[in-house]
Amino acid sequence: MPQTARIVDGPGKFDLMLSLFDNKVLMFELEGGQQVPVRVLSIRKEDGSGENWKLKGVSTKSGKDLKIYYSTRRNEGTVSRE
């Protein structure tokens, strides 16, 4: 994965909630088709819409810390290594 990559598909709001409360691993699909499994450590609202989020997590594949900006309205965003 490059330092910053575009997310083209990912989970909905309910799955974001489960990722925190039930320790569920989320899958994000990157441009080019690569799948990134992420264990979410924190979620913050980006704005008042309730659809845009800032996440911090860890790739369960590589063990790298990740910073994610994600829109549950569009199921798109960006992911970068911290």
Protein backbone atom coordinates (compact mmCIF):
# COMPACT_ATOMS: atom_id res chain seq x y z
CA MET A 1 0.00 0.00 0.00
CA PRO A 2 1.35 3.46 -0.83
CA GLN A 3 1.69 6.03 1.98
CA THR A 4 -1.80 7.39 1.12
CA ALA A 5 -4.38 5.44 -0.86
CA ARG A 6 -7.94 6.06 -1.99
CA ILE A 7 -10.72 3.93 -0.49
CA VAL A 8 -13.34 3.03 -3.11
CA ASP A 9 -15.58 0.78 -0.97
CA GLY A 10 -16.00 -0.01 2.69
CA PRO A 11 -18.34 -0.61 5.63
CA GLY A 12 -21.51 1.16 6.69
CA LYS A 13 -22.22 2.95 9.98
CA PHE A 14 -23.47 -0.17 11.76
CA ASP A 15 -20.23 -2.00 10.97
CA LEU A 16 -18.21 0.98 12.22
CA MET A 17 -20.07 0.72 15.52
CA LEU A 18 -19.47 -3.04 15.73
CA SER A 19 -15.79 -2.51 15.02
CA LEU A 20 -15.49 -0.57 18.27
CA PHE A 21 -17.88 -2.45 20.53
CA ASP A 22 -17.36 -6.02 19.27
CA ASN A 23 -13.77 -5.67 18.02
CA LYS A 24 -14.89 -6.54 14.48
CA VAL A 25 -12.27 -6.31 11.72
CA LEU A 26 -13.39 -4.06 8.85
CA MET A 27 -12.45 -4.49 5.20
CA PHE A 28 -11.66 -1.45 3.07
CA GLU A 29 -11.19 -1.81 -0.69
CA LEU A 30 -8.57 0.44 -2.22
CA GLU A 31 -8.31 1.77 -5.75
CA GLY A 32 -6.81 -1.10 -7.73
CA GLY A 33 -8.76 -3.76 -5.82
CA GLN A 34 -6.47 -4.30 -2.81
CA GLN A 35 -8.35 -5.23 0.37
CA VAL A 36 -7.10 -3.83 3.70
CA PRO A 37 -8.34 -5.46 6.94
CA VAL A 38 -8.47 -2.91 9.77
CA ARG A 39 -9.03 -3.20 13.50
CA VAL A 40 -10.44 0.20 14.51
CA LEU A 41 -9.05 1.80 17.67
CA SER A 42 -10.96 5.12 17.62
CA ILE A 43 -13.62 6.95 15.62
CA ARG A 44 -14.35 10.69 15.58
CA LYS A 45 -16.99 12.65 13.72
CA GLU A 46 -15.43 14.82 11.02
CA ASP A 47 -18.38 17.22 10.86
CA GLY A 48 -22.02 17.56 11.93
CA SER A 49 -23.40 15.39 9.11
CA GLY A 50 -22.96 12.09 10.95
CA GLU A 51 -21.63 10.63 7.69
CA ASN A 52 -17.93 11.65 7.68
CA TRP A 53 -15.46 10.04 10.05
CA LYS A 54 -11.83 10.07 11.15
CA LEU A 55 -10.63 6.65 12.22
CA LYS A 56 -7.43 5.36 13.73
CA GLY A 57 -6.69 1.69 13.41
CA VAL A 58 -4.23 -1.08 12.75
CA SER A 59 -3.93 -3.22 9.63
CA THR A 60 -4.38 -6.81 10.77
CA LYS A 61 -2.38 -7.86 7.71
CA SER A 62 0.76 -5.72 8.14
CA GLY A 63 0.47 -4.51 11.76
CA LYS A 64 0.93 -0.88 10.58
CA ASP A 65 -0.90 2.01 12.28
CA LEU A 66 -3.41 3.66 9.93
CA LYS A 67 -5.24 6.97 9.78
CA ILE A 68 -8.49 6.88 7.79
CA TYR A 69 -10.86 9.57 6.57
CA TYR A 70 -14.10 7.86 5.52
CA SER A 71 -17.58 8.83 4.32
CA THR A 72 -20.34 6.33 5.10
CA ARG A 73 -22.61 8.22 2.70
CA ARG A 74 -20.35 7.54 -0.30
CA ASN A 75 -18.37 4.57 1.11
CA GLU A 76 -15.20 6.35 0.01
CA GLY A 77 -12.24 8.00 1.65
CA THR A 78 -8.50 7.86 2.14
CA VAL A 79 -6.17 5.75 4.24
CA SER A 80 -2.60 6.62 5.20
CA ARG A 81 0.12 5.18 7.39
CA GLU A 82 0.80 7.09 10.58
